Amino acid sequence: MSNVLSYKGYSAPVEFDGERMILTGSVAGIRDGIFFEAEGASDVEARFHAAVDDYLSFCAEKGKEPEKPFKGSFNVRVNPELHRRAALAAAERRESLNQFVAAAIAAAL
């Protein structure tokens, strides 16, 4: 069973805040902050949906394009030696560094 909720293309891990005795979450994969809280498991999904809907309404009111999570592009910083070795390994396989890294991530997952 997963502790990640999904709705309208947005996903958010849910965590238990033992100090405040509530469930909390924030949408992953975007810079804009979409946060929600719930007192129990029975309403956490509704709170998440409401937070996403509020975000989309806010963006529409402001004429702003809502951020889309996990666009498939991200920066990765590695030490120069690892970068060199990965680039050479990719070249030996006649593939791009992007293809090499994507295959490595897929193998790790």
PDB file of N, CA and C in Angstrom:
ATOM      1  N   MET A   1       0.855  -1.181   0.000  1.00  0.00           N
ATOM      2  CA  MET A   1       0.000   0.000   0.000  1.00  0.00           C
ATOM      3  C   MET A   1       0.895   1.236   0.000  1.00  0.00           C
ATOM      4  N   SER A   2       0.553   2.222  -0.794  1.00  0.00           N
ATOM      5  CA  SER A   2       1.365   3.416  -0.953  1.00  0.00           C
ATOM      6  C   SER A   2       0.803   4.568  -0.124  1.00  0.00           C
ATOM      7  N   ASN A   3       1.684   5.440   0.289  1.00  0.00           N
ATOM      8  CA  ASN A   3       1.237   6.632   1.005  1.00  0.00           C
ATOM      9  C   ASN A   3       1.283   7.849   0.091  1.00  0.00           C
ATOM     10  N   VAL A   4       1.157   7.616  -1.225  1.00  0.00           N
ATOM     11  CA  VAL A   4       1.176   8.694  -2.205  1.00  0.00           C
ATOM     12  C   VAL A   4      -0.205   8.813  -2.832  1.00  0.00           C
ATOM     13  N   LEU A   5      -0.753  10.026  -2.793  1.00  0.00           N
ATOM     14  CA  LEU A   5      -2.045  10.301  -3.428  1.00  0.00           C
ATOM     15  C   LEU A   5      -1.803  10.906  -4.801  1.00  0.00           C
ATOM     16  N   SER A   6      -2.686  10.630  -5.759  1.00  0.00           N
ATOM     17  CA  SER A   6      -2.587  11.203  -7.102  1.00  0.00           C
ATOM     18  C   SER A   6      -3.942  11.752  -7.515  1.00  0.00           C
ATOM     19  N   TYR A   7      -3.888  12.892  -8.219  1.00  0.00           N
ATOM     20  CA  TYR A   7      -5.124  13.555  -8.656  1.00  0.00           C
ATOM     21  C   TYR A   7      -4.769  14.573  -9.732  1.00  0.00           C
ATOM     22  N   LYS A   8      -5.445  14.487 -10.880  1.00  0.00           N
ATOM     23  CA  LYS A   8      -5.269  15.425 -11.985  1.00  0.00           C
ATOM     24  C   LYS A   8      -3.800  15.590 -12.388  1.00  0.00           C
ATOM     25  N   GLY A   9      -3.050  14.503 -12.338  1.00  0.00           N
ATOM     26  CA  GLY A   9      -1.650  14.537 -12.737  1.00  0.00           C
ATOM     27  C   GLY A   9      -0.683  14.969 -11.651  1.00  0.00           C
ATOM     28  N   TYR A  10      -1.187  15.304 -10.475  1.00  0.00           N
ATOM     29  CA  TYR A  10      -0.341  15.717  -9.354  1.00  0.00           C
ATOM     30  C   TYR A  10      -0.265  14.585  -8.339  1.00  0.00           C
ATOM     31  N   SER A  11       0.892  14.438  -7.704  1.00  0.00           N
ATOM     32  CA  SER A  11       1.091  13.397  -6.697  1.00  0.00           C
ATOM     33  C   SER A  11       1.656  14.015  -5.430  1.00  0.00           C
ATOM     34  N   ALA A  12       1.259  13.449  -4.298  1.00  0.00           N
ATOM     35  CA  ALA A  12       1.729  13.967  -3.018  1.00  0.00           C
ATOM     36  C   ALA A  12       1.887  12.838  -2.015  1.00  0.00           C
ATOM     37  N   PRO A  13       3.093  12.680  -1.468  1.00  0.00           N
ATOM     38  CA  PRO A  13       3.254  11.739  -0.364  1.00  0.00           C
ATOM     39  C   PRO A  13       2.581  12.282   0.892  1.00  0.00           C
ATOM     40  N   VAL A  14       1.986  11.414   1.666  1.00  0.00           N
ATOM     41  CA  VAL A  14       1.316  11.805   2.904  1.00  0.00           C
ATOM     42  C   VAL A  14       2.163  11.325   4.079  1.00  0.00           C
ATOM     43  N   GLU A  15       2.349  12.205   5.054  1.00  0.00           N
ATOM     44  CA  GLU A  15       3.133  11.865   6.245  1.00  0.00           C
ATOM     45  C   GLU A  15       2.322  12.158   7.492  1.00  0.00           C
ATOM     46  N   PHE A  16       2.662  11.455   8.552  1.00  0.00           N
ATOM     47  CA  PHE A  16       2.019  11.670   9.837  1.00  0.00           C
ATOM     48  C   PHE A  16       2.884  12.608  10.669  1.00  0.00           C
ATOM     49  N   ASP A  17       2.286  13.692  11.158  1.00  0.00           N
ATOM     50  CA  ASP A  17       2.958  14.632  12.048  1.00  0.00           C
ATOM     51  C   ASP A  17       2.550  14.260  13.475  1.00  0.00           C
ATOM     52  N   GLY A  18       3.420  13.526  14.152  1.00  0.00           N
ATOM     53  CA  GLY A  18       3.116  13.036  15.488  1.00  0.00           C
ATOM     54  C   GLY A  18       3.015  14.131  16.527  1.00  0.00           C
ATOM     55  N   GLU A  19       3.683  15.235  16.302  1.00  0.00           N
ATOM     56  CA  GLU A  19       3.621  16.344  17.254  1.00  0.00           C
ATOM     57  C   GLU A  19       2.254  17.022  17.222  1.00  0.00           C
ATOM     58  N   ARG A  20       1.741  17.221  16.005  1.00  0.00           N
ATOM     59  CA  ARG A  20       0.445  17.886  15.852  1.00  0.00           C
ATOM     60  C   ARG A  20      -0.702  16.890  15.696  1.00  0.00           C
ATOM     61  N   MET A  21      -0.361  15.595  15.560  1.00  0.00           N
ATOM     62  CA  MET A  21      -1.346  14.524  15.414  1.00  0.00           C
ATOM     63  C   MET A  21      -2.256  14.729  14.201  1.00  0.00           C
ATOM     64  N   ILE A  22      -1.626  15.062  13.059  1.00  0.00           N
ATOM     65  CA  ILE A  22      -2.366  15.229  11.810  1.00  0.00           C
ATOM     66  C   ILE A  22      -1.592  14.573  10.673  1.00  0.00           C
ATOM     67  N   LEU A  23      -2.269  14.416   9.552  1.00  0.00           N
ATOM     68  CA  LEU A  23      -1.637  13.965   8.320  1.00  0.00           C
ATOM     69  C   LEU A  23      -1.329  15.199   7.487  1.00  0.00           C
ATOM     70  N   THR A  24      -0.141  15.228   6.870  1.00  0.00           N
ATOM     71  CA  THR A  24       0.256  16.368   6.051  1.00  0.00           C
ATOM     72  C   THR A  24       0.774  15.877   4.708  1.00  0.00           C
ATOM     73  N   GLY A  25       0.742  16.763   3.736  1.00  0.00           N
ATOM     74  CA  GLY A  25       1.290  16.416   2.431  1.00  0.00           C
ATOM     75  C   GLY A  25       1.578  17.651   1.619  1.00  0.00           C
ATOM     76  N   SER A  26       2.427  17.474   0.629  1.00  0.00           N
ATOM     77  CA  SER A  26       2.707  18.536  -0.338  1.00  0.00           C
ATOM     78  C   SER A  26       2.963  17.881  -1.684  1.00  0.00           C
ATOM     79  N   VAL A  27       2.521  18.556  -2.731  1.00  0.00           N
ATOM     80  CA  VAL A  27       2.656  18.024  -4.084  1.00  0.00           C
ATOM     81  C   VAL A  27       4.128  17.974  -4.466  1.00  0.00           C
ATOM     82  N   ALA A  28       4.533  16.854  -5.028  1.00  0.00           N
ATOM     83  CA  ALA A  28       5.918  16.641  -5.440  1.00  0.00           C
ATOM     84  C   ALA A  28       6.109  17.024  -6.906  1.00  0.00           C
ATOM     85  N   GLY A  29       7.323  17.445  -7.226  1.00  0.00           N
ATOM     86  CA  GLY A  29       7.690  17.654  -8.620  1.00  0.00           C
ATOM     87  C   GLY A  29       7.403  19.024  -9.188  1.00  0.00           C
ATOM     88  N   ILE A  30       6.985  19.985  -8.354  1.00  0.00           N
ATOM     89  CA  ILE A  30       6.760  21.353  -8.828  1.00  0.00           C
ATOM     90  C   ILE A  30       7.374  22.327  -7.834  1.00  0.00           C
ATOM     91  N   ARG A  31       7.681  23.537  -8.329  1.00  0.00           N
ATOM     92  CA  ARG A  31       8.230  24.574  -7.453  1.00  0.00           C
ATOM     93  C   ARG A  31       7.144  25.277  -6.653  1.00  0.00           C
ATOM     94  N   ASP A  32       5.968  25.468  -7.246  1.00  0.00           N
ATOM     95  CA  ASP A  32       4.862  26.080  -6.515  1.00  0.00           C
ATOM     96  C   ASP A  32       4.493  25.184  -5.338  1.00  0.00           C
ATOM     97  N   GLY A  33       4.111  25.776  -4.238  1.00  0.00           N
ATOM     98  CA  GLY A  33       3.775  24.989  -3.058  1.00  0.00           C
ATOM     99  C   GLY A  33       2.293  24.662  -2.994  1.00  0.00           C
ATOM    100  N   ILE A  34       1.971  23.396  -2.993  1.00  0.00           N
ATOM    101  CA  ILE A  34       0.603  22.936  -2.775  1.00  0.00           C
ATOM    102  C   ILE A  34       0.662  22.034  -1.550  1.00  0.00           C
ATOM    103  N   PHE A  35       0.119  22.525  -0.435  1.00  0.00           N
ATOM    104  CA  PHE A  35       0.181  21.825   0.842  1.00  0.00           C
ATOM    105  C   PHE A  35      -1.229  21.514   1.330  1.00  0.00           C
ATOM    106  N   PHE A  36      -1.354  20.455   2.122  1.00  0.00           N
ATOM    107  CA  PHE A  36      -2.656  20.126   2.714  1.00  0.00           C
ATOM    108  C   PHE A  36      -2.443  19.406   4.037  1.00  0.00           C
ATOM    109  N   GLU A  37      -3.460  19.458   4.865  1.00  0.00           N
ATOM    110  CA  GLU A  37      -3.468  18.792   6.169  1.00  0.00           C
ATOM    111  C   GLU A  37      -4.829  18.158   6.376  1.00  0.00           C
ATOM    112  N   ALA A  38      -4.835  17.075   7.155  1.00  0.00           N
ATOM    113  CA  ALA A  38      -6.096  16.420   7.497  1.00  0.00           C
ATOM    114  C   ALA A  38      -5.974  15.834   8.894  1.00  0.00           C
ATOM    115  N   GLU A  39      -7.084  15.808   9.595  1.00  0.00           N
ATOM    116  CA  GLU A  39      -7.080  15.253  10.951  1.00  0.00           C
ATOM    117  C   GLU A  39      -7.120  13.736  10.953  1.00  0.00           C
ATOM    118  N   GLY A  40      -7.534  13.142   9.848  1.00  0.00           N
ATOM    119  CA  GLY A  40      -7.604  11.692   9.793  1.00  0.00           C
ATOM    120  C   GLY A  40      -7.557  11.167   8.383  1.00  0.00           C
ATOM    121  N   ALA A  41      -7.391   9.872   8.287  1.00  0.00           N
ATOM    122  CA  ALA A  41      -7.291   9.223   6.982  1.00  0.00           C
ATOM    123  C   ALA A  41      -8.572   9.367   6.167  1.00  0.00           C
ATOM    124  N   SER A  42      -9.694   9.508   6.844  1.00  0.00           N
ATOM    125  CA  SER A  42     -10.969   9.565   6.132  1.00  0.00           C
ATOM    126  C   SER A  42     -11.136  10.827   5.294  1.00  0.00           C
ATOM    127  N   ASP A  43     -10.405  11.901   5.621  1.00  0.00           N
ATOM    128  CA  ASP A  43     -10.569  13.120   4.822  1.00  0.00           C
ATOM    129  C   ASP A  43      -9.288  13.606   4.160  1.00  0.00           C
ATOM    130  N   VAL A  44      -8.200  12.836   4.239  1.00  0.00           N
ATOM    131  CA  VAL A  44      -6.943  13.307   3.660  1.00  0.00           C
ATOM    132  C   VAL A  44      -7.038  13.418   2.131  1.00  0.00           C
ATOM    133  N   GLU A  45      -7.698  12.468   1.488  1.00  0.00           N
ATOM    134  CA  GLU A  45      -7.812  12.533   0.032  1.00  0.00           C
ATOM    135  C   GLU A  45      -8.638  13.743  -0.404  1.00  0.00           C
ATOM    136  N   ALA A  46      -9.738  14.012   0.294  1.00  0.00           N
ATOM    137  CA  ALA A  46     -10.568  15.176  -0.039  1.00  0.00           C
ATOM    138  C   ALA A  46      -9.779  16.475   0.141  1.00  0.00           C
ATOM    139  N   ARG A  47      -8.956  16.558   1.182  1.00  0.00           N
ATOM    140  CA  ARG A  47      -8.138  17.755   1.412  1.00  0.00           C
ATOM    141  C   ARG A  47      -7.102  17.929   0.309  1.00  0.00           C
ATOM    142  N   PHE A  48      -6.510  16.828  -0.119  1.00  0.00           N
ATOM    143  CA  PHE A  48      -5.548  16.868  -1.223  1.00  0.00           C
ATOM    144  C   PHE A  48      -6.232  17.348  -2.498  1.00  0.00           C
ATOM    145  N   HIS A  49      -7.377  16.781  -2.829  1.00  0.00           N
ATOM    146  CA  HIS A  49      -8.112  17.191  -4.026  1.00  0.00           C
ATOM    147  C   HIS A  49      -8.456  18.682  -3.958  1.00  0.00           C
ATOM    148  N   ALA A  50      -8.918  19.135  -2.799  1.00  0.00           N
ATOM    149  CA  ALA A  50      -9.279  20.547  -2.636  1.00  0.00           C
ATOM    150  C   ALA A  50      -8.054  21.443  -2.831  1.00  0.00           C
ATOM    151  N   ALA A  51      -6.893  21.028  -2.324  1.00  0.00           N
ATOM    152  CA  ALA A  51      -5.678  21.831  -2.470  1.00  0.00           C
ATOM    153  C   ALA A  51      -5.274  21.943  -3.939  1.00  0.00           C
ATOM    154  N   VAL A  52      -5.362  20.843  -4.668  1.00  0.00           N
ATOM    155  CA  VAL A  52      -5.031  20.869  -6.103  1.00  0.00           C
ATOM    156  C   VAL A  52      -6.043  21.735  -6.848  1.00  0.00           C
ATOM    157  N   ASP A  53      -7.318  21.555  -6.561  1.00  0.00           N
ATOM    158  CA  ASP A  53      -8.352  22.360  -7.223  1.00  0.00           C
ATOM    159  C   ASP A  53      -8.174  23.846  -6.922  1.00  0.00           C
ATOM    160  N   ASP A  54      -7.841  24.192  -5.679  1.00  0.00           N
ATOM    161  CA  ASP A  54      -7.586  25.592  -5.315  1.00  0.00           C
ATOM    162  C   ASP A  54      -6.405  26.151  -6.103  1.00  0.00           C
ATOM    163  N   TYR A  55      -5.352  25.365  -6.229  1.00  0.00           N
ATOM    164  CA  TYR A  55      -4.167  25.788  -6.994  1.00  0.00           C
ATOM    165  C   TYR A  55      -4.533  26.053  -8.455  1.00  0.00           C
ATOM    166  N   LEU A  56      -5.278  25.129  -9.053  1.00  0.00           N
ATOM    167  CA  LEU A  56      -5.662  25.292 -10.456  1.00  0.00           C
ATOM    168  C   LEU A  56      -6.584  26.500 -10.635  1.00  0.00           C
ATOM    169  N   SER A  57      -7.485  26.739  -9.699  1.00  0.00           N
ATOM    170  CA  SER A  57      -8.374  27.914  -9.752  1.00  0.00           C
ATOM    171  C   SER A  57      -7.571  29.199  -9.602  1.00  0.00           C
ATOM    172  N   PHE A  58      -6.625  29.200  -8.670  1.00  0.00           N
ATOM    173  CA  PHE A  58      -5.765  30.368  -8.467  1.00  0.00           C
ATOM    174  C   PHE A  58      -4.997  30.691  -9.745  1.00  0.00           C
ATOM    175  N   CYS A  59      -4.425  29.669 -10.363  1.00  0.00           N
ATOM    176  CA  CYS A  59      -3.679  29.886 -11.606  1.00  0.00           C
ATOM    177  C   CYS A  59      -4.588  30.449 -12.698  1.00  0.00           C
ATOM    178  N   ALA A  60      -5.791  29.924 -12.806  1.00  0.00           N
ATOM    179  CA  ALA A  60      -6.736  30.400 -13.815  1.00  0.00           C
ATOM    180  C   ALA A  60      -7.101  31.865 -13.565  1.00  0.00           C
ATOM    181  N   GLU A  61      -7.343  32.221 -12.295  1.00  0.00           N
ATOM    182  CA  GLU A  61      -7.678  33.610 -11.953  1.00  0.00           C
ATOM    183  C   GLU A  61      -6.551  34.566 -12.290  1.00  0.00           C
ATOM    184  N   LYS A  62      -5.311  34.138 -12.096  1.00  0.00           N
ATOM    185  CA  LYS A  62      -4.141  34.986 -12.341  1.00  0.00           C
ATOM    186  C   LYS A  62      -3.644  34.911 -13.779  1.00  0.00           C
ATOM    187  N   GLY A  63      -4.254  34.053 -14.599  1.00  0.00           N
ATOM    188  CA  GLY A  63      -3.803  33.886 -15.973  1.00  0.00           C
ATOM    189  C   GLY A  63      -2.428  33.222 -16.052  1.00  0.00           C
ATOM    190  N   LYS A  64      -2.113  32.428 -15.053  1.00  0.00           N
ATOM    191  CA  LYS A  64      -0.825  31.743 -14.963  1.00  0.00           C
ATOM    192  C   LYS A  64      -0.989  30.295 -15.384  1.00  0.00           C
ATOM    193  N   GLU A  65      -0.048  29.782 -16.142  1.00  0.00           N
ATOM    194  CA  GLU A  65      -0.058  28.369 -16.517  1.00  0.00           C
ATOM    195  C   GLU A  65       0.349  27.536 -15.294  1.00  0.00           C
ATOM    196  N   PRO A  66      -0.492  26.594 -14.870  1.00  0.00           N
ATOM    197  CA  PRO A  66      -0.115  25.768 -13.712  1.00  0.00           C
ATOM    198  C   PRO A  66       1.118  24.929 -14.041  1.00  0.00           C
ATOM    199  N   GLU A  67       1.959  24.746 -13.044  1.00  0.00           N
ATOM    200  CA  GLU A  67       3.126  23.895 -13.249  1.00  0.00           C
ATOM    201  C   GLU A  67       2.676  22.460 -13.452  1.00  0.00           C
ATOM    202  N   LYS A  68       3.352  21.780 -14.334  1.00  0.00           N
ATOM    203  CA  LYS A  68       3.114  20.356 -14.564  1.00  0.00           C
ATOM    204  C   LYS A  68       4.243  19.587 -13.899  1.00  0.00           C
ATOM    205  N   PRO A  69       3.920  18.628 -13.064  1.00  0.00           N
ATOM    206  CA  PRO A  69       4.968  17.872 -12.388  1.00  0.00           C
ATOM    207  C   PRO A  69       5.645  16.864 -13.315  1.00  0.00           C
ATOM    208  N   PHE A  70       6.878  16.597 -13.026  1.00  0.00           N
ATOM    209  CA  PHE A  70       7.634  15.546 -13.689  1.00  0.00           C
ATOM    210  C   PHE A  70       7.572  15.655 -15.207  1.00  0.00           C
ATOM    211  N   LYS A  71       8.120  16.762 -15.714  1.00  0.00           N
ATOM    212  CA  LYS A  71       8.117  17.031 -17.142  1.00  0.00           C
ATOM    213  C   LYS A  71       9.067  16.121 -17.910  1.00  0.00           C
ATOM    214  N   GLY A  72       9.923  15.387 -17.175  1.00  0.00           N
ATOM    215  CA  GLY A  72      10.869  14.505 -17.842  1.00  0.00           C
ATOM    216  C   GLY A  72      12.231  15.141 -18.019  1.00  0.00           C
ATOM    217  N   SER A  73      12.417  16.302 -17.436  1.00  0.00           N
ATOM    218  CA  SER A  73      13.694  17.018 -17.551  1.00  0.00           C
ATOM    219  C   SER A  73      14.108  17.490 -16.165  1.00  0.00           C
ATOM    220  N   PHE A  74      15.359  17.193 -15.791  1.00  0.00           N
ATOM    221  CA  PHE A  74      15.876  17.673 -14.512  1.00  0.00           C
ATOM    222  C   PHE A  74      17.401  17.718 -14.582  1.00  0.00           C
ATOM    223  N   ASN A  75      17.983  18.556 -13.767  1.00  0.00           N
ATOM    224  CA  ASN A  75      19.433  18.663 -13.701  1.00  0.00           C
ATOM    225  C   ASN A  75      19.969  17.710 -12.645  1.00  0.00           C
ATOM    226  N   VAL A  76      21.067  17.080 -12.970  1.00  0.00           N
ATOM    227  CA  VAL A  76      21.729  16.194 -12.022  1.00  0.00           C
ATOM    228  C   VAL A  76      23.174  16.658 -11.906  1.00  0.00           C
ATOM    229  N   ARG A  77      23.629  16.858 -10.674  1.00  0.00           N
ATOM    230  CA  ARG A  77      25.008  17.260 -10.454  1.00  0.00           C
ATOM    231  C   ARG A  77      25.793  16.074  -9.915  1.00  0.00           C
ATOM    232  N   VAL A  78      26.861  15.738 -10.617  1.00  0.00           N
ATOM    233  CA  VAL A  78      27.744  14.650 -10.198  1.00  0.00           C
ATOM    234  C   VAL A  78      29.172  15.167 -10.251  1.00  0.00           C
ATOM    235  N   ASN A  79      30.082  14.427  -9.648  1.00  0.00           N
ATOM    236  CA  ASN A  79      31.469  14.883  -9.711  1.00  0.00           C
ATOM    237  C   ASN A  79      31.998  14.715 -11.134  1.00  0.00           C
ATOM    238  N   PRO A  80      32.981  15.505 -11.528  1.00  0.00           N
ATOM    239  CA  PRO A  80      33.471  15.489 -12.912  1.00  0.00           C
ATOM    240  C   PRO A  80      33.948  14.110 -13.385  1.00  0.00           C
ATOM    241  N   GLU A  81      34.557  13.330 -12.515  1.00  0.00           N
ATOM    242  CA  GLU A  81      35.040  12.001 -12.922  1.00  0.00           C
ATOM    243  C   GLU A  81      33.880  11.074 -13.274  1.00  0.00           C
ATOM    244  N   LEU A  82      32.818  11.102 -12.479  1.00  0.00           N
ATOM    245  CA  LEU A  82      31.648  10.282 -12.787  1.00  0.00           C
ATOM    246  C   LEU A  82      31.007  10.745 -14.089  1.00  0.00           C
ATOM    247  N   HIS A  83      30.938  12.039 -14.304  1.00  0.00           N
ATOM    248  CA  HIS A  83      30.393  12.604 -15.549  1.00  0.00           C
ATOM    249  C   HIS A  83      31.204  12.082 -16.739  1.00  0.00           C
ATOM    250  N   ARG A  84      32.537  12.155 -16.627  1.00  0.00           N
ATOM    251  CA  ARG A  84      33.421  11.704 -17.709  1.00  0.00           C
ATOM    252  C   ARG A  84      33.192  10.221 -17.994  1.00  0.00           C
ATOM    253  N   ARG A  85      33.153   9.404 -16.941  1.00  0.00           N
ATOM    254  CA  ARG A  85      32.994   7.962 -17.123  1.00  0.00           C
ATOM    255  C   ARG A  85      31.643   7.620 -17.751  1.00  0.00           C
ATOM    256  N   ALA A  86      30.599   8.321 -17.327  1.00  0.00           N
ATOM    257  CA  ALA A  86      29.272   8.072 -17.897  1.00  0.00           C
ATOM    258  C   ALA A  86      29.217   8.486 -19.366  1.00  0.00           C
ATOM    259  N   ALA A  87      29.803   9.615 -19.686  1.00  0.00           N
ATOM    260  CA  ALA A  87      29.816  10.084 -21.076  1.00  0.00           C
ATOM    261  C   ALA A  87      30.579   9.113 -21.974  1.00  0.00           C
ATOM    262  N   LEU A  88      31.713   8.619 -21.498  1.00  0.00           N
ATOM    263  CA  LEU A  88      32.491   7.659 -22.285  1.00  0.00           C
ATOM    264  C   LEU A  88      31.746   6.339 -22.452  1.00  0.00           C
ATOM    265  N   ALA A  89      31.099   5.873 -21.384  1.00  0.00           N
ATOM    266  CA  ALA A  89      30.325   4.630 -21.477  1.00  0.00           C
ATOM    267  C   ALA A  89      29.172   4.795 -22.466  1.00  0.00           C
ATOM    268  N   ALA A  90      28.527   5.943 -22.440  1.00  0.00           N
ATOM    269  CA  ALA A  90      27.435   6.205 -23.385  1.00  0.00           C
ATOM    270  C   ALA A  90      27.962   6.215 -24.815  1.00  0.00           C
ATOM    271  N   ALA A  91      29.093   6.863 -25.029  1.00  0.00           N
ATOM    272  CA  ALA A  91      29.679   6.937 -26.374  1.00  0.00           C
ATOM    273  C   ALA A  91      30.044   5.542 -26.883  1.00  0.00           C
ATOM    274  N   GLU A  92      30.592   4.707 -26.004  1.00  0.00           N
ATOM    275  CA  GLU A  92      30.941   3.339 -26.402  1.00  0.00           C
ATOM    276  C   GLU A  92      29.706   2.558 -26.841  1.00  0.00           C
ATOM    277  N   ARG A  93      28.583   2.863 -26.237  1.00  0.00           N
ATOM    278  CA  ARG A  93      27.327   2.180 -26.588  1.00  0.00           C
ATOM    279  C   ARG A  93      26.587   2.873 -27.732  1.00  0.00           C
ATOM    280  N   ARG A  94      27.172   3.948 -28.223  1.00  0.00           N
ATOM    281  CA  ARG A  94      26.562   4.744 -29.310  1.00  0.00           C
ATOM    282  C   ARG A  94      25.178   5.257 -28.919  1.00  0.00           C
ATOM    283  N   GLU A  95      25.111   5.759 -27.687  1.00  0.00           N
ATOM    284  CA  GLU A  95      23.883   6.378 -27.219  1.00  0.00           C
ATOM    285  C   GLU A  95      24.224   7.715 -26.563  1.00  0.00           C
ATOM    286  N   SER A  96      23.215   8.550 -26.415  1.00  0.00           N
ATOM    287  CA  SER A  96      23.440   9.851 -25.776  1.00  0.00           C
ATOM    288  C   SER A  96      23.615   9.667 -24.272  1.00  0.00           C
ATOM    289  N   LEU A  97      24.179  10.674 -23.647  1.00  0.00           N
ATOM    290  CA  LEU A  97      24.306  10.640 -22.190  1.00  0.00           C
ATOM    291  C   LEU A  97      22.918  10.568 -21.548  1.00  0.00           C
ATOM    292  N   ASN A  98      21.939  11.273 -22.133  1.00  0.00           N
ATOM    293  CA  ASN A  98      20.561  11.197 -21.619  1.00  0.00           C
ATOM    294  C   ASN A  98      20.032   9.770 -21.667  1.00  0.00           C
ATOM    295  N   GLN A  99      20.253   9.078 -22.785  1.00  0.00           N
ATOM    296  CA  GLN A  99      19.780   7.700 -22.898  1.00  0.00           C
ATOM    297  C   GLN A  99      20.473   6.810 -21.862  1.00  0.00           C
ATOM    298  N   PHE A 100      21.765   7.014 -21.676  1.00  0.00           N
ATOM    299  CA  PHE A 100      22.539   6.238 -20.713  1.00  0.00           C
ATOM    300  C   PHE A 100      22.013   6.438 -19.300  1.00  0.00           C
ATOM    301  N   VAL A 101      21.801   7.700 -18.917  1.00  0.00           N
ATOM    302  CA  VAL A 101      21.327   8.011 -17.565  1.00  0.00           C
ATOM    303  C   VAL A 101      19.905   7.483 -17.367  1.00  0.00           C
ATOM    304  N   ALA A 102      19.045   7.643 -18.367  1.00  0.00           N
ATOM    305  CA  ALA A 102      17.669   7.150 -18.257  1.00  0.00           C
ATOM    306  C   ALA A 102      17.664   5.630 -18.046  1.00  0.00           C
ATOM    307  N   ALA A 103      18.524   4.916 -18.776  1.00  0.00           N
ATOM    308  CA  ALA A 103      18.601   3.450 -18.620  1.00  0.00           C
ATOM    309  C   ALA A 103      19.123   3.087 -17.220  1.00  0.00           C
ATOM    310  N   ALA A 104      20.102   3.838 -16.734  1.00  0.00           N
ATOM    311  CA  ALA A 104      20.648   3.579 -15.392  1.00  0.00           C
ATOM    312  C   ALA A 104      19.596   3.811 -14.318  1.00  0.00           C
ATOM    313  N   ILE A 105      18.821   4.871 -14.455  1.00  0.00           N
ATOM    314  CA  ILE A 105      17.753   5.142 -13.481  1.00  0.00           C
ATOM    315  C   ILE A 105      16.706   4.029 -13.539  1.00  0.00           C
ATOM    316  N   ALA A 106      16.312   3.639 -14.745  1.00  0.00           N
ATOM    317  CA  ALA A 106      15.308   2.584 -14.886  1.00  0.00           C
ATOM    318  C   ALA A 106      15.808   1.275 -14.276  1.00  0.00           C
ATOM    319  N   ALA A 107      17.082   0.975 -14.459  1.00  0.00           N
ATOM    320  CA  ALA A 107      17.646  -0.259 -13.885  1.00  0.00           C
ATOM    321  C   ALA A 107      17.657  -0.193 -12.361  1.00  0.00           C
ATOM    322  N   ALA A 108      17.892   0.987 -11.811  1.00  0.00           N
ATOM    323  CA  ALA A 108      17.940   1.149 -10.356  1.00  0.00           C
ATOM    324  C   ALA A 108      16.553   1.065  -9.731  1.00  0.00           C
ATOM    325  N   LEU A 109      15.533   1.392 -10.490  1.00  0.00           N
ATOM    326  CA  LEU A 109      14.163   1.356  -9.952  1.00  0.00           C
ATOM    327  C   LEU A 109      13.537  -0.004 -10.159  1.00  0.00           C
TER     328      LEU A 109
END
